[in-house]
Amino acid sequence: MKFNPGFVIGEVVSNREVSKAFGCAIMGGMRPSTKAGTLVLISDMTKPFYKDEWKNGILHYTGMGKYGDQTLKGNNNIKLYESDVNGIELHLFEVYEKTKYTYKGIVKLADKPYQTSQQDEDKNNRKVWVFPLKQVDEKVVYKKDPEVEKANIIKDEELIDSLKDIRQIDQYDFAYRGMPKSKSEPSVINKIEVQKRSRSTAMNALKHAKFMCEIDETHPSFIRRNMNINYVEPHHLVPLEYSDQFDISLDVEENIVSLCSNCHNLLHYGKDFEPLLLKLYEERKELLSHVGIAISYEELVEMYL
C-alpha cells in the first residue's frame, strides 16, 4: 500500500516538512523511515559533486558518499539497490534552490544500477553508484484558468512587440548554458501574478536559431524593415502560464523556440498543432532536462489543449 505524505506532485515544501511527513531524518540525500516503510531520495542540484541528470524521462541518481569510492555495504545505497525486492517505497524530491523541495512522487528503478566515475567534494576522481529512476505517479492534471491565460497572452504580446524594433545585434551566435535558472519576481496584471519575459533571453534564443523557423527553415517569412534578418517570433515551448508547476524558471533559452508567424499561431490556435509540438518536444527534451524542466510529451500536450 502506498504511503501518502500529504503532498501532491509538484508541490514545493520545506526540509522540515519532508522530515515531519515521512518521519525521517532532516539531513542526507537518502532518508529511510521504518515507520512509513519509505526511502526519501533528495536530488539536490545545488550540490555540484552529485551529478544527477534526467535523460529521456529517467533520473540517473547518484548514490550516497561524498568521498572515495561509493559502496553498497553498510549504508542506504544497498536499500535503494534492492528496492525492487525489499518492499521499500521510494519517494523523490528535487532541489534547485536551497530550502525548496519539490515533491516528484513515488519512483522505482527503471534499470539496473551501474557504476561510473565522478569527482568527489575534493575534486578527486572516484567510482560512484548511479540508480536509474522513473516516476510511478507522474501524471499531473493541468487546468487552464481563463484569467491567467489572458494575463499571459498580454505578456507574450508585450515580448513580441519589444522585439519588433531590432536595430543592432552585437553578435549572431549564442550557445546554450545548460543550467537551471531561478525564477524572477512575477509581474501583477489584474491581480494575477505572471512570470516576466526577458527580452534578452528571447533574443538569445532567436540568435541560436539563426532567425529561422525551427519547424522548417524554408517556411516563408519576410526580412525585417530595419535589419537584414528574418522576422520570427519567440515561443515558450513549456508555457510560462504553468510556471507554478515548476520550481525553476521556464524563461530560459532552452525553452524558447523560434517560429514563423504561421507556425506560432498554429501552435496557439490551430486544430492540428500536435505534429508541430511533437517535433519541437523531441528536439528539445534533452535540453529541457539540462535546465531542470522535466516534463513528458503527454503532460506538454495537456498544457496546449
Protein backbone atom coordinates (compact mmCIF):
# COMPACT_ATOMS: atom_id res chain seq x y z
CA MET A 1 0.00 0.00 0.00
CA LYS A 2 1.36 3.41 -0.96
CA PHE A 3 2.35 5.79 1.80
CA ASN A 4 0.64 9.18 1.49
CA PRO A 5 2.81 12.04 2.79
CA GLY A 6 0.06 14.58 2.15
CA PHE A 7 1.92 16.25 -0.73
CA VAL A 8 0.84 16.48 -4.37
CA ILE A 9 3.29 16.06 -7.23
CA GLY A 10 4.91 19.40 -7.99
CA GLU A 11 4.28 20.83 -4.52
CA VAL A 12 7.17 22.79 -3.01
CA VAL A 13 7.78 22.17 0.70
CA SER A 14 10.49 22.80 3.29
CA ASN A 15 13.09 20.33 4.52
CA ARG A 16 11.39 20.23 7.90
CA GLU A 17 8.04 19.41 6.29
CA VAL A 18 9.67 16.49 4.46
CA SER A 19 11.10 15.16 7.72
CA LYS A 20 7.80 15.54 9.58
CA ALA A 21 5.66 13.94 6.85
CA PHE A 22 7.81 10.82 6.48
CA GLY A 23 9.24 10.56 10.00
CA CYS A 24 12.74 10.56 8.54
CA ALA A 25 16.00 12.38 9.23
CA ILE A 26 16.34 16.05 8.36
CA MET A 27 19.73 15.60 6.68
CA GLY A 28 21.15 13.41 3.95
CA GLY A 29 20.31 12.56 0.36
CA MET A 30 18.77 9.20 1.29
CA ARG A 31 16.46 9.16 4.30
CA PRO A 32 14.87 5.86 5.36
CA SER A 33 11.77 5.73 7.54
CA THR A 34 10.94 2.45 9.25
CA LYS A 35 7.58 3.80 10.37
CA ALA A 36 6.47 4.77 6.84
CA GLY A 37 8.32 1.97 5.05
CA THR A 38 9.88 4.54 2.72
CA LEU A 39 13.21 5.78 1.48
CA VAL A 40 13.15 9.51 0.74
CA LEU A 41 15.55 10.46 -2.06
CA ILE A 42 16.77 14.05 -2.35
CA SER A 43 18.15 15.07 -5.73
CA ASP A 44 19.91 18.29 -4.78
CA MET A 45 21.08 20.20 -7.85
CA THR A 46 22.68 22.88 -5.63
CA LYS A 47 25.44 20.40 -4.70
CA PRO A 48 27.82 20.17 -7.66
CA PHE A 49 29.60 16.98 -6.54
CA TYR A 50 26.45 14.89 -7.08
CA LYS A 51 25.84 14.60 -10.85
CA ASP A 52 22.14 13.72 -11.02
CA GLU A 53 20.76 14.03 -14.54
CA TRP A 54 17.44 13.47 -16.35
CA LYS A 55 17.69 11.55 -19.65
CA ASN A 56 14.57 10.60 -21.60
CA GLY A 57 12.36 10.73 -18.53
CA ILE A 58 14.81 8.74 -16.38
CA LEU A 59 16.65 10.34 -13.47
CA HIS A 60 20.17 8.99 -13.14
CA TYR A 61 20.52 9.45 -9.40
CA THR A 62 23.95 9.38 -7.75
CA GLY A 63 24.32 7.24 -4.62
CA MET A 64 25.42 8.42 -1.18
CA GLY A 65 29.01 9.04 -0.13
CA LYS A 66 30.90 12.31 -0.62
CA TYR A 67 34.46 10.96 -0.54
CA GLY A 68 36.21 7.95 -2.06
CA ASP A 69 34.59 5.10 -3.95
CA GLN A 70 30.95 4.56 -3.10
CA THR A 71 29.94 1.17 -1.77
CA LEU A 72 26.77 -0.88 -1.36
CA LYS A 73 27.79 -2.06 2.10
CA GLY A 74 26.60 -0.60 5.40
CA ASN A 75 24.62 2.34 4.01
CA ASN A 76 21.40 3.29 2.25
CA ASN A 77 22.79 2.55 -1.22
CA ILE A 78 22.03 -1.14 -0.72
CA LYS A 79 18.42 -0.34 0.24
CA LEU A 80 17.97 1.54 -3.00
CA TYR A 81 19.84 -1.15 -4.96
CA GLU A 82 17.48 -3.85 -3.62
CA SER A 83 14.31 -1.72 -3.65
CA ASP A 84 12.67 -3.94 -6.28
CA VAL A 85 12.66 -6.84 -3.81
CA ASN A 86 12.90 -5.42 -0.28
CA GLY A 87 9.47 -3.73 -0.33
CA ILE A 88 10.74 -0.24 0.48
CA GLU A 89 8.85 2.60 -1.23
CA LEU A 90 10.89 5.35 -2.90
CA HIS A 91 9.76 8.99 -2.75
CA LEU A 92 11.69 11.63 -4.70
CA PHE A 93 12.24 15.32 -4.02
CA GLU A 94 14.24 17.72 -6.22
CA VAL A 95 16.07 20.83 -5.01
CA TYR A 96 17.06 23.58 -7.44
CA GLU A 97 17.01 26.37 -4.84
CA LYS A 98 18.17 25.92 -1.27
CA THR A 99 15.29 25.28 1.19
CA LYS A 100 12.80 24.49 -1.62
CA TYR A 101 11.98 20.78 -2.00
CA THR A 102 9.75 19.84 -4.95
CA TYR A 103 7.86 16.58 -4.50
CA LYS A 104 8.11 14.33 -7.57
CA GLY A 105 6.10 11.43 -6.19
CA ILE A 106 6.88 7.72 -5.99
CA VAL A 107 9.72 6.41 -8.15
CA LYS A 108 11.19 3.00 -8.87
CA LEU A 109 14.28 1.56 -10.51
CA ALA A 110 13.98 1.86 -14.28
CA ASP A 111 17.04 -0.25 -14.99
CA LYS A 112 19.93 -1.97 -13.25
CA PRO A 113 22.15 0.40 -11.18
CA TYR A 114 25.61 0.93 -12.62
CA GLN A 115 28.98 2.38 -11.63
CA THR A 116 30.72 5.32 -13.24
CA SER A 117 33.45 7.83 -12.44
CA GLN A 118 32.75 11.23 -10.86
CA GLN A 119 34.69 13.76 -8.80
CA ASP A 120 34.11 13.91 -5.05
CA GLU A 121 33.82 17.09 -2.97
CA ASP A 122 37.63 17.45 -3.03
CA LYS A 123 37.64 17.06 -6.85
CA ASN A 124 39.27 13.62 -6.71
CA ASN A 125 38.05 11.02 -9.18
CA ARG A 126 36.20 8.09 -7.61
CA LYS A 127 33.67 5.39 -8.51
CA VAL A 128 30.02 6.14 -7.74
CA TRP A 129 26.82 4.15 -7.97
CA VAL A 130 24.13 5.57 -10.25
CA PHE A 131 20.49 4.49 -9.92
CA PRO A 132 18.18 4.99 -12.95
CA LEU A 133 14.80 6.05 -11.56
CA LYS A 134 11.44 6.64 -13.19
CA GLN A 135 8.29 8.16 -11.77
CA VAL A 136 5.40 5.83 -10.94
CA ASP A 137 2.82 8.60 -10.50
CA GLU A 138 4.00 11.20 -12.97
CA LYS A 139 0.58 12.26 -14.20
CA VAL A 140 -0.19 15.86 -13.35
CA VAL A 141 -3.51 17.41 -14.37
CA TYR A 142 -3.14 20.89 -15.83
CA LYS A 143 -6.22 23.11 -15.73
CA LYS A 144 -6.45 26.31 -17.71
CA ASP A 145 -7.61 29.39 -15.86
CA PRO A 146 -9.08 31.86 -18.41
CA GLU A 147 -7.94 34.91 -16.45
CA VAL A 148 -4.42 33.56 -16.03
CA GLU A 149 -4.34 32.66 -19.72
CA LYS A 150 -5.45 36.18 -20.66
CA ALA A 151 -2.80 37.80 -18.47
CA ASN A 152 -0.08 35.60 -20.01
CA ILE A 153 -1.23 36.44 -23.54
CA ILE A 154 -0.75 40.11 -22.67
CA LYS A 155 2.85 39.45 -21.52
CA ASP A 156 3.58 37.33 -24.62
CA GLU A 157 2.35 40.12 -26.89
CA GLU A 158 4.46 42.66 -24.99
CA LEU A 159 7.53 40.48 -25.53
CA ILE A 160 6.91 40.16 -29.28
CA ASP A 161 6.29 43.92 -29.55
CA SER A 162 9.58 44.62 -27.77
CA LEU A 163 11.42 42.61 -30.44
CA LYS A 164 9.87 44.35 -33.42
CA ASP A 165 12.33 47.22 -33.44
CA ILE A 166 15.69 45.43 -33.74
CA ARG A 167 18.27 47.93 -34.95
CA GLN A 168 21.52 46.41 -33.75
CA ILE A 169 22.74 42.94 -32.87
CA ASP A 170 26.09 42.62 -31.12
CA GLN A 171 26.66 39.02 -32.22
CA TYR A 172 24.66 36.42 -34.09
CA ASP A 173 25.78 33.30 -32.25
CA PHE A 174 24.54 32.12 -28.88
CA ALA A 175 25.49 28.91 -27.04
CA TYR A 176 23.12 27.31 -24.55
CA ARG A 177 24.35 27.39 -20.95
CA GLY A 178 22.56 24.23 -19.84
CA MET A 179 21.97 25.45 -16.29
CA PRO A 180 18.70 25.87 -14.36
CA LYS A 181 17.76 29.48 -13.65
CA SER A 182 15.96 30.82 -10.61
CA LYS A 183 12.57 32.42 -11.08
CA SER A 184 12.36 36.20 -11.16
CA GLU A 185 9.80 38.16 -9.19
CA PRO A 186 6.48 37.99 -11.07
CA SER A 187 4.57 40.91 -12.55
CA VAL A 188 0.97 41.54 -11.50
CA ILE A 189 -1.77 42.03 -14.11
CA ASN A 190 -5.34 42.47 -12.88
CA LYS A 191 -4.33 40.99 -9.51
CA ILE A 192 -2.84 37.91 -11.24
CA GLU A 193 0.85 37.06 -10.85
CA VAL A 194 2.53 36.48 -14.21
CA GLN A 195 6.13 35.44 -14.82
CA LYS A 196 8.22 38.09 -16.57
CA ARG A 197 9.59 37.55 -20.08
CA SER A 198 13.19 38.60 -20.64
CA ARG A 199 13.77 40.38 -23.97
CA SER A 200 17.47 39.46 -23.93
CA THR A 201 16.71 35.78 -23.24
CA ALA A 202 14.24 35.69 -26.13
CA MET A 203 16.76 37.41 -28.39
CA ASN A 204 19.42 34.86 -27.47
CA ALA A 205 17.06 32.05 -28.44
CA LEU A 206 16.34 33.67 -31.83
CA LYS A 207 20.08 34.12 -32.39
CA HIS A 208 20.69 30.45 -31.64
CA ALA A 209 18.09 29.55 -34.29
CA LYS A 210 19.73 31.97 -36.78
CA PHE A 211 16.38 33.80 -37.00
CA MET A 212 14.85 30.82 -38.82
CA CYS A 213 11.64 28.90 -38.17
CA GLU A 214 12.52 25.79 -36.15
CA ILE A 215 9.64 23.83 -37.64
CA ASP A 216 11.05 24.27 -41.14
CA GLU A 217 13.80 26.69 -42.15
CA THR A 218 12.26 27.01 -45.61
CA HIS A 219 8.97 28.38 -44.28
CA PRO A 220 8.26 31.75 -45.89
CA SER A 221 8.87 34.82 -43.77
CA PHE A 222 9.99 38.33 -44.61
CA ILE A 223 13.05 40.44 -43.98
CA ARG A 224 12.75 42.99 -41.21
CA ARG A 225 12.49 46.56 -42.39
CA ASN A 226 15.32 47.85 -40.19
CA MET A 227 17.70 44.83 -40.26
CA ASN A 228 18.65 42.21 -42.81
CA ILE A 229 17.24 39.28 -40.80
CA ASN A 230 14.09 37.16 -40.97
CA TYR A 231 11.04 38.11 -38.96
CA VAL A 232 10.43 35.30 -36.45
CA GLU A 233 8.71 35.15 -33.08
CA PRO A 234 9.81 33.57 -29.78
CA HIS A 235 7.59 30.89 -28.27
CA HIS A 236 7.98 29.26 -24.83
CA LEU A 237 7.61 25.54 -25.51
CA VAL A 238 6.57 24.84 -21.91
CA PRO A 239 4.18 27.78 -21.42
CA LEU A 240 5.05 30.31 -18.73
CA GLU A 241 1.39 30.13 -17.76
CA TYR A 242 2.31 26.93 -15.89
CA SER A 243 5.32 28.33 -14.03
CA ASP A 244 3.71 27.49 -10.70
CA GLN A 245 4.16 23.79 -11.56
CA PHE A 246 7.95 24.22 -11.59
CA ASP A 247 10.42 25.42 -9.00
CA ILE A 248 12.82 26.89 -11.56
CA SER A 249 12.39 29.45 -14.33
CA LEU A 250 10.79 28.48 -17.63
CA ASP A 251 12.10 31.69 -19.18
CA VAL A 252 15.36 30.18 -20.40
CA GLU A 253 16.76 29.97 -23.91
CA GLU A 254 16.45 26.19 -23.99
CA ASN A 255 12.66 26.54 -23.55
CA ILE A 256 12.22 29.19 -26.26
CA VAL A 257 11.81 28.25 -29.91
CA SER A 258 11.98 30.49 -32.96
CA LEU A 259 8.88 30.30 -35.17
CA CYS A 260 7.46 31.95 -38.25
CA SER A 261 4.17 33.75 -37.64
CA ASN A 262 2.10 30.95 -39.18
CA CYS A 263 3.61 28.17 -37.05
CA HIS A 264 3.39 30.32 -33.94
CA ASN A 265 -0.33 30.92 -34.46
CA LEU A 266 -0.91 27.27 -35.36
CA LEU A 267 0.58 26.17 -32.03
CA HIS A 268 -1.64 28.59 -30.12
CA TYR A 269 -4.87 28.38 -32.07
CA GLY A 270 -4.65 25.60 -34.67
CA LYS A 271 -6.60 22.35 -34.66
CA ASP A 272 -3.63 20.30 -35.93
CA PHE A 273 -0.97 21.63 -33.58
CA GLU A 274 0.27 18.25 -32.28
CA PRO A 275 2.67 17.29 -35.13
CA LEU A 276 4.48 20.62 -34.63
CA LEU A 277 4.52 20.27 -30.86
CA LEU A 278 5.86 16.71 -31.03
CA LYS A 279 8.67 17.74 -33.38
CA LEU A 280 9.73 20.59 -31.10
CA TYR A 281 9.49 18.42 -27.98
CA GLU A 282 11.62 15.62 -29.45
CA GLU A 283 14.27 18.16 -30.44
CA ARG A 284 14.21 19.95 -27.07
CA LYS A 285 13.55 17.32 -24.38
CA GLU A 286 17.26 16.76 -23.62
CA LEU A 287 17.92 20.49 -23.47
CA LEU A 288 14.92 20.96 -21.18
CA SER A 289 16.17 18.28 -18.79
CA HIS A 290 19.55 20.01 -18.60
CA VAL A 291 17.89 23.17 -17.26
CA GLY A 292 15.71 21.28 -14.78
CA ILE A 293 12.49 21.22 -16.80
CA ALA A 294 11.29 17.64 -16.51
CA ILE A 295 8.12 17.07 -18.49
CA SER A 296 6.66 14.28 -20.61
CA TYR A 297 5.16 14.87 -24.03
CA GLU A 298 1.74 13.83 -22.71
CA GLU A 299 1.92 16.49 -20.00
CA LEU A 300 3.02 19.10 -22.53
CA VAL A 301 0.09 18.34 -24.83
CA GLU A 302 -2.34 18.88 -21.93
CA MET A 303 -0.97 22.37 -21.49
CA TYR A 304 -1.98 23.21 -25.07
CA LEU A 305 -5.50 21.77 -25.01
